[in-house]
Each structure stands twice: as C-alpha cells, then as structure tokens.
Amino acid sequence: MLIPVAASLYEFILAVHVMAVVAAFGVTFAYPIMFMVAAKHQPAAIPLLHRIEYTVARMLINPLLLVVVAAGIYLASDGHHWSEFFVQWGLGAVIVIGAVVGAVLMPASKKAEEVATRDLAAAAGSEPVSMSAEYRALVRRITLFGSLASALVLLTILFMVIQP
C-alpha cells in the first residue's frame, strides 16, 4: 500500500535529479572489481566487460546525464541558485564528465574490447594469458579518466549536499 506524501514539485525534481545520478554512475564504481575478478578467474570475459562498459555509457550514463542537467536547471532556476558555487560546479562537472565519457571512455572501451579479443585469440591455450602493451595502455587510459569522472561525481555530490 502506498502512503500518500505531500511533496512539492521542487522536491520531486530533486529526487529525480538524485536518482538519475545514482542510476547513471552507481555501476561505474563496481567496474574495477568486475575487471579484477574477470582477469583472475575468467579472462575470456574481459572483452564482454568492455562491451558492457561502453554500452552502459551509451544507453544509461549519457541519457541520464541529460536528466541530471534538465533537473538541475529546473532546481537552480526555481530556487534562484544560479549564482551559487555548488550549481556552477555541478554544471561544469556534468560538462566535463559528459566530455570524458563521450570523447575518452567510450572509444577507449570499444577499442579495448577489440584489442582484448585479439590478444585472447593470439594467446589461445597458453596460461597465464598475457595482454599486449596496447591493451594495457588502453586500460590505463580508462582507469585514469574513469577515476577522474568518479572523483568528479563524488566531489559534486559533496558540494551539492553541503552547498558551500
């Protein structure tokens, strides 16, 4: 049974804003663990994990970034917060995150899938599997920029909550 709750439109949009951030970025914090487990126990799954990585970015992160921006614009406008640091930070962060996801993470993940598939085929039957320098460079790029995006998400949440 649903309990009726009196919520303003502002509160509803704020909830949508927060839910979009959680839905967009929650899984990205688990990627390092997924890749670590796959590398140790099932290296053949690595290309699939990269496919999942860029598919999540394309089908979940990018669309939800638009929801975050749209909800944020409403919240900043309705609350007259455009001059506040946390709003300006949030807008800048979402632009940087969107650029990093689209220009670096998605292409690098797609290329990593291709290179991992090639490396695994070349190493068929040999244990342990050794990935190429090209693959390791792509993973370093994904790790560096993914960590940057994750840090921006967390820092932005901090600024949104404390509203300095």
C-alpha atoms as a PDB file:
ATOM      1  CA  MET A   1       0.000   0.000   0.000  1.00  0.00           C
ATOM      2  CA  LEU A   2       1.317   3.426  -0.919  1.00  0.00           C
ATOM      3  CA  ILE A   3       1.353   6.107   1.722  1.00  0.00           C
ATOM      4  CA  PRO A   4       0.276   9.472   0.310  1.00  0.00           C
ATOM      5  CA  VAL A   5       3.054  12.020   0.633  1.00  0.00           C
ATOM      6  CA  ALA A   6       2.689  15.714   0.103  1.00  0.00           C
ATOM      7  CA  ALA A   7       5.738  16.743  -1.887  1.00  0.00           C
ATOM      8  CA  SER A   8       6.346  19.863  -3.838  1.00  0.00           C
ATOM      9  CA  LEU A   9       7.351  19.780  -7.488  1.00  0.00           C
ATOM     10  CA  TYR A  10      10.790  21.019  -6.396  1.00  0.00           C
ATOM     11  CA  GLU A  11      11.199  18.046  -4.040  1.00  0.00           C
ATOM     12  CA  PHE A  12      10.040  15.623  -6.720  1.00  0.00           C
ATOM     13  CA  ILE A  13      12.511  17.043  -9.265  1.00  0.00           C
ATOM     14  CA  LEU A  14      15.268  16.958  -6.632  1.00  0.00           C
ATOM     15  CA  ALA A  15      14.529  13.260  -6.079  1.00  0.00           C
ATOM     16  CA  VAL A  16      14.638  12.628  -9.859  1.00  0.00           C
ATOM     17  CA  HIS A  17      17.958  14.517 -10.004  1.00  0.00           C
ATOM     18  CA  VAL A  18      19.485  12.343  -7.253  1.00  0.00           C
ATOM     19  CA  MET A  19      18.042   9.105  -8.686  1.00  0.00           C
ATOM     20  CA  ALA A  20      19.495   9.909 -12.120  1.00  0.00           C
ATOM     21  CA  VAL A  21      22.969  10.370 -10.617  1.00  0.00           C
ATOM     22  CA  VAL A  22      22.726   7.092  -8.689  1.00  0.00           C
ATOM     23  CA  ALA A  23      21.392   5.165 -11.695  1.00  0.00           C
ATOM     24  CA  ALA A  24      23.955   6.662 -14.092  1.00  0.00           C
ATOM     25  CA  PHE A  25      27.090   6.224 -12.023  1.00  0.00           C
ATOM     26  CA  GLY A  26      26.427   3.539  -9.431  1.00  0.00           C
ATOM     27  CA  VAL A  27      27.671   0.670 -11.570  1.00  0.00           C
ATOM     28  CA  THR A  28      30.803   2.535 -12.638  1.00  0.00           C
ATOM     29  CA  PHE A  29      32.195   2.254  -9.123  1.00  0.00           C
ATOM     30  CA  ALA A  30      31.997  -1.553  -9.434  1.00  0.00           C
ATOM     31  CA  TYR A  31      33.849  -1.781 -12.765  1.00  0.00           C
ATOM     32  CA  PRO A  32      37.332  -2.155 -11.223  1.00  0.00           C
ATOM     33  CA  ILE A  33      36.139  -5.087  -9.112  1.00  0.00           C
ATOM     34  CA  MET A  34      34.443  -6.736 -12.098  1.00  0.00           C
ATOM     35  CA  PHE A  35      37.589  -6.465 -14.209  1.00  0.00           C
ATOM     36  CA  MET A  36      39.818  -7.696 -11.377  1.00  0.00           C
ATOM     37  CA  VAL A  37      37.654 -10.801 -10.877  1.00  0.00           C
ATOM     38  CA  ALA A  38      37.435 -11.472 -14.625  1.00  0.00           C
ATOM     39  CA  ALA A  39      41.193 -11.089 -15.112  1.00  0.00           C
ATOM     40  CA  LYS A  40      41.871 -13.554 -12.311  1.00  0.00           C
ATOM     41  CA  HIS A  41      39.143 -16.126 -12.900  1.00  0.00           C
ATOM     42  CA  GLN A  42      37.757 -15.715 -16.423  1.00  0.00           C
ATOM     43  CA  PRO A  43      39.992 -13.702 -18.779  1.00  0.00           C
ATOM     44  CA  ALA A  44      37.790 -14.649 -21.727  1.00  0.00           C
ATOM     45  CA  ALA A  45      35.084 -12.405 -20.199  1.00  0.00           C
ATOM     46  CA  ILE A  46      37.219  -9.268 -20.451  1.00  0.00           C
ATOM     47  CA  PRO A  47      36.060  -8.268 -23.966  1.00  0.00           C
ATOM     48  CA  LEU A  48      32.437  -8.682 -22.895  1.00  0.00           C
ATOM     49  CA  LEU A  49      33.029  -6.479 -19.841  1.00  0.00           C
ATOM     50  CA  HIS A  50      34.419  -3.749 -22.099  1.00  0.00           C
ATOM     51  CA  ARG A  51      31.331  -4.077 -24.319  1.00  0.00           C
ATOM     52  CA  ILE A  52      29.146  -3.730 -21.223  1.00  0.00           C
ATOM     53  CA  GLU A  53      31.225  -0.718 -20.167  1.00  0.00           C
ATOM     54  CA  TYR A  54      30.654   1.269 -23.352  1.00  0.00           C
ATOM     55  CA  THR A  55      27.066   0.083 -23.758  1.00  0.00           C
ATOM     56  CA  VAL A  56      26.231   1.294 -20.239  1.00  0.00           C
ATOM     57  CA  ALA A  57      27.839   4.641 -21.098  1.00  0.00           C
ATOM     58  CA  ARG A  58      25.815   4.946 -24.310  1.00  0.00           C
ATOM     59  CA  MET A  59      22.477   3.639 -23.078  1.00  0.00           C
ATOM     60  CA  LEU A  60      22.474   4.660 -19.414  1.00  0.00           C
ATOM     61  CA  ILE A  61      25.059   7.293 -18.486  1.00  0.00           C
ATOM     62  CA  ASN A  62      24.583   9.638 -21.450  1.00  0.00           C
ATOM     63  CA  PRO A  63      20.756   9.711 -21.323  1.00  0.00           C
ATOM     64  CA  LEU A  64      20.752  10.084 -17.542  1.00  0.00           C
ATOM     65  CA  LEU A  65      23.269  12.932 -17.753  1.00  0.00           C
ATOM     66  CA  LEU A  66      20.598  14.770 -19.737  1.00  0.00           C
ATOM     67  CA  VAL A  67      18.097  14.079 -16.938  1.00  0.00           C
ATOM     68  CA  VAL A  68      20.632  15.337 -14.375  1.00  0.00           C
ATOM     69  CA  VAL A  69      21.157  18.535 -16.378  1.00  0.00           C
ATOM     70  CA  ALA A  70      17.453  19.138 -17.032  1.00  0.00           C
ATOM     71  CA  ALA A  71      16.518  18.550 -13.400  1.00  0.00           C
ATOM     72  CA  GLY A  72      19.452  20.676 -12.257  1.00  0.00           C
ATOM     73  CA  ILE A  73      18.374  23.549 -14.494  1.00  0.00           C
ATOM     74  CA  TYR A  74      14.882  23.387 -13.025  1.00  0.00           C
ATOM     75  CA  LEU A  75      16.196  23.244  -9.446  1.00  0.00           C
ATOM     76  CA  ALA A  76      18.659  26.117  -9.944  1.00  0.00           C
ATOM     77  CA  SER A  77      16.032  28.250 -11.661  1.00  0.00           C
ATOM     78  CA  ASP A  78      13.198  27.523  -9.234  1.00  0.00           C
ATOM     79  CA  GLY A  79      15.421  28.048  -6.198  1.00  0.00           C
ATOM     80  CA  HIS A  80      17.231  31.068  -7.696  1.00  0.00           C
ATOM     81  CA  HIS A  81      20.579  29.338  -7.133  1.00  0.00           C
ATOM     82  CA  TRP A  82      22.408  30.209 -10.365  1.00  0.00           C
ATOM     83  CA  SER A  83      24.935  32.384  -8.543  1.00  0.00           C
ATOM     84  CA  GLU A  84      25.722  29.650  -6.004  1.00  0.00           C
ATOM     85  CA  PHE A  85      29.082  27.848  -6.245  1.00  0.00           C
ATOM     86  CA  PHE A  86      27.557  24.368  -5.981  1.00  0.00           C
ATOM     87  CA  VAL A  87      25.344  24.996  -9.034  1.00  0.00           C
ATOM     88  CA  GLN A  88      28.190  26.373 -11.124  1.00  0.00           C
ATOM     89  CA  TRP A  89      30.419  23.480 -10.014  1.00  0.00           C
ATOM     90  CA  GLY A  90      27.689  20.953 -10.860  1.00  0.00           C
ATOM     91  CA  LEU A  91      27.129  22.380 -14.316  1.00  0.00           C
ATOM     92  CA  GLY A  92      30.869  22.369 -15.022  1.00  0.00           C
ATOM     93  CA  ALA A  93      31.249  18.855 -13.635  1.00  0.00           C
ATOM     94  CA  VAL A  94      28.463  17.443 -15.794  1.00  0.00           C
ATOM     95  CA  ILE A  95      30.025  19.014 -18.905  1.00  0.00           C
ATOM     96  CA  VAL A  96      33.454  17.571 -18.055  1.00  0.00           C
ATOM     97  CA  ILE A  97      32.010  14.150 -17.197  1.00  0.00           C
ATOM     98  CA  GLY A  98      29.971  14.063 -20.406  1.00  0.00           C
ATOM     99  CA  ALA A  99      33.030  15.030 -22.437  1.00  0.00           C
ATOM    100  CA  VAL A 100      35.236  12.436 -20.724  1.00  0.00           C
ATOM    101  CA  VAL A 101      32.638   9.701 -21.208  1.00  0.00           C
ATOM    102  CA  GLY A 102      31.997  10.551 -24.867  1.00  0.00           C
ATOM    103  CA  ALA A 103      35.472  11.513 -26.020  1.00  0.00           C
ATOM    104  CA  VAL A 104      37.667   9.155 -23.985  1.00  0.00           C
ATOM    105  CA  LEU A 105      35.916   6.368 -22.095  1.00  0.00           C
ATOM    106  CA  MET A 106      33.526   5.105 -24.753  1.00  0.00           C
ATOM    107  CA  PRO A 107      36.083   4.998 -27.589  1.00  0.00           C
ATOM    108  CA  ALA A 108      38.770   3.512 -25.320  1.00  0.00           C
ATOM    109  CA  SER A 109      36.390   0.833 -24.020  1.00  0.00           C
ATOM    110  CA  LYS A 110      35.322  -0.064 -27.549  1.00  0.00           C
ATOM    111  CA  LYS A 111      38.956  -0.304 -28.670  1.00  0.00           C
ATOM    112  CA  ALA A 112      39.868  -2.276 -25.519  1.00  0.00           C
ATOM    113  CA  GLU A 113      37.193  -4.834 -26.405  1.00  0.00           C
ATOM    114  CA  GLU A 114      38.711  -5.270 -29.869  1.00  0.00           C
ATOM    115  CA  VAL A 115      42.303  -5.476 -28.612  1.00  0.00           C
ATOM    116  CA  ALA A 116      41.405  -7.842 -25.754  1.00  0.00           C
ATOM    117  CA  THR A 117      39.588 -10.130 -28.205  1.00  0.00           C
ATOM    118  CA  ARG A 118      42.649 -10.127 -30.470  1.00  0.00           C
ATOM    119  CA  ASP A 119      45.070 -10.715 -27.566  1.00  0.00           C
ATOM    120  CA  LEU A 120      42.985 -13.563 -26.156  1.00  0.00           C
ATOM    121  CA  ALA A 121      42.763 -15.232 -29.581  1.00  0.00           C
ATOM    122  CA  ALA A 122      46.533 -14.933 -30.006  1.00  0.00           C
ATOM    123  CA  ALA A 123      47.103 -16.444 -26.550  1.00  0.00           C
ATOM    124  CA  ALA A 124      44.622 -19.301 -27.032  1.00  0.00           C
ATOM    125  CA  GLY A 125      45.700 -22.264 -24.929  1.00  0.00           C
ATOM    126  CA  SER A 126      48.508 -20.517 -23.090  1.00  0.00           C
ATOM    127  CA  GLU A 127      48.383 -19.841 -19.371  1.00  0.00           C
ATOM    128  CA  PRO A 128      48.617 -17.304 -17.933  1.00  0.00           C
ATOM    129  CA  VAL A 129      47.154 -15.006 -20.571  1.00  0.00           C
ATOM    130  CA  SER A 130      49.381 -12.035 -21.262  1.00  0.00           C
ATOM    131  CA  MET A 131      47.689  -8.956 -22.663  1.00  0.00           C
ATOM    132  CA  SER A 132      49.523  -6.679 -25.108  1.00  0.00           C
ATOM    133  CA  ALA A 133      51.095  -3.338 -24.320  1.00  0.00           C
ATOM    134  CA  GLU A 134      48.384  -1.735 -26.466  1.00  0.00           C
ATOM    135  CA  TYR A 135      45.677  -3.265 -24.272  1.00  0.00           C
ATOM    136  CA  ARG A 136      47.445  -2.255 -21.049  1.00  0.00           C
ATOM    137  CA  ALA A 137      47.739   1.344 -22.343  1.00  0.00           C
ATOM    138  CA  LEU A 138      44.011   1.426 -23.100  1.00  0.00           C
ATOM    139  CA  VAL A 139      43.221   0.103 -19.619  1.00  0.00           C
ATOM    140  CA  ARG A 140      45.471   2.782 -18.081  1.00  0.00           C
ATOM    141  CA  ARG A 141      43.579   5.446 -20.056  1.00  0.00           C
ATOM    142  CA  ILE A 142      40.206   4.012 -18.999  1.00  0.00           C
ATOM    143  CA  THR A 143      41.353   3.766 -15.380  1.00  0.00           C
ATOM    144  CA  LEU A 144      42.746   7.299 -15.291  1.00  0.00           C
ATOM    145  CA  PHE A 145      39.771   9.001 -16.913  1.00  0.00           C
ATOM    146  CA  GLY A 146      37.236   6.740 -15.204  1.00  0.00           C
ATOM    147  CA  SER A 147      38.789   7.628 -11.851  1.00  0.00           C
ATOM    148  CA  LEU A 148      38.646  11.325 -12.776  1.00  0.00           C
ATOM    149  CA  ALA A 149      34.958  11.030 -13.660  1.00  0.00           C
ATOM    150  CA  SER A 150      34.228   9.081 -10.456  1.00  0.00           C
ATOM    151  CA  ALA A 151      36.075  11.647  -8.349  1.00  0.00           C
ATOM    152  CA  LEU A 152      34.077  14.443 -10.018  1.00  0.00           C
ATOM    153  CA  VAL A 153      30.827  12.611  -9.281  1.00  0.00           C
ATOM    154  CA  LEU A 154      31.734  12.183  -5.608  1.00  0.00           C
ATOM    155  CA  LEU A 155      33.038  15.733  -5.214  1.00  0.00           C
ATOM    156  CA  THR A 156      29.915  17.092  -6.891  1.00  0.00           C
ATOM    157  CA  ILE A 157      27.691  15.103  -4.538  1.00  0.00           C
ATOM    158  CA  LEU A 158      29.668  16.546  -1.625  1.00  0.00           C
ATOM    159  CA  PHE A 159      29.237  20.101  -2.904  1.00  0.00           C
ATOM    160  CA  MET A 160      25.534  19.559  -3.598  1.00  0.00           C
ATOM    161  CA  VAL A 161      24.944  18.265  -0.084  1.00  0.00           C
ATOM    162  CA  ILE A 162      26.978  20.846   1.843  1.00  0.00           C
ATOM    163  CA  GLN A 163      26.292  23.694  -0.596  1.00  0.00           C
ATOM    164  CA  PRO A 164      29.418  25.696   0.254  1.00  0.00           C
END
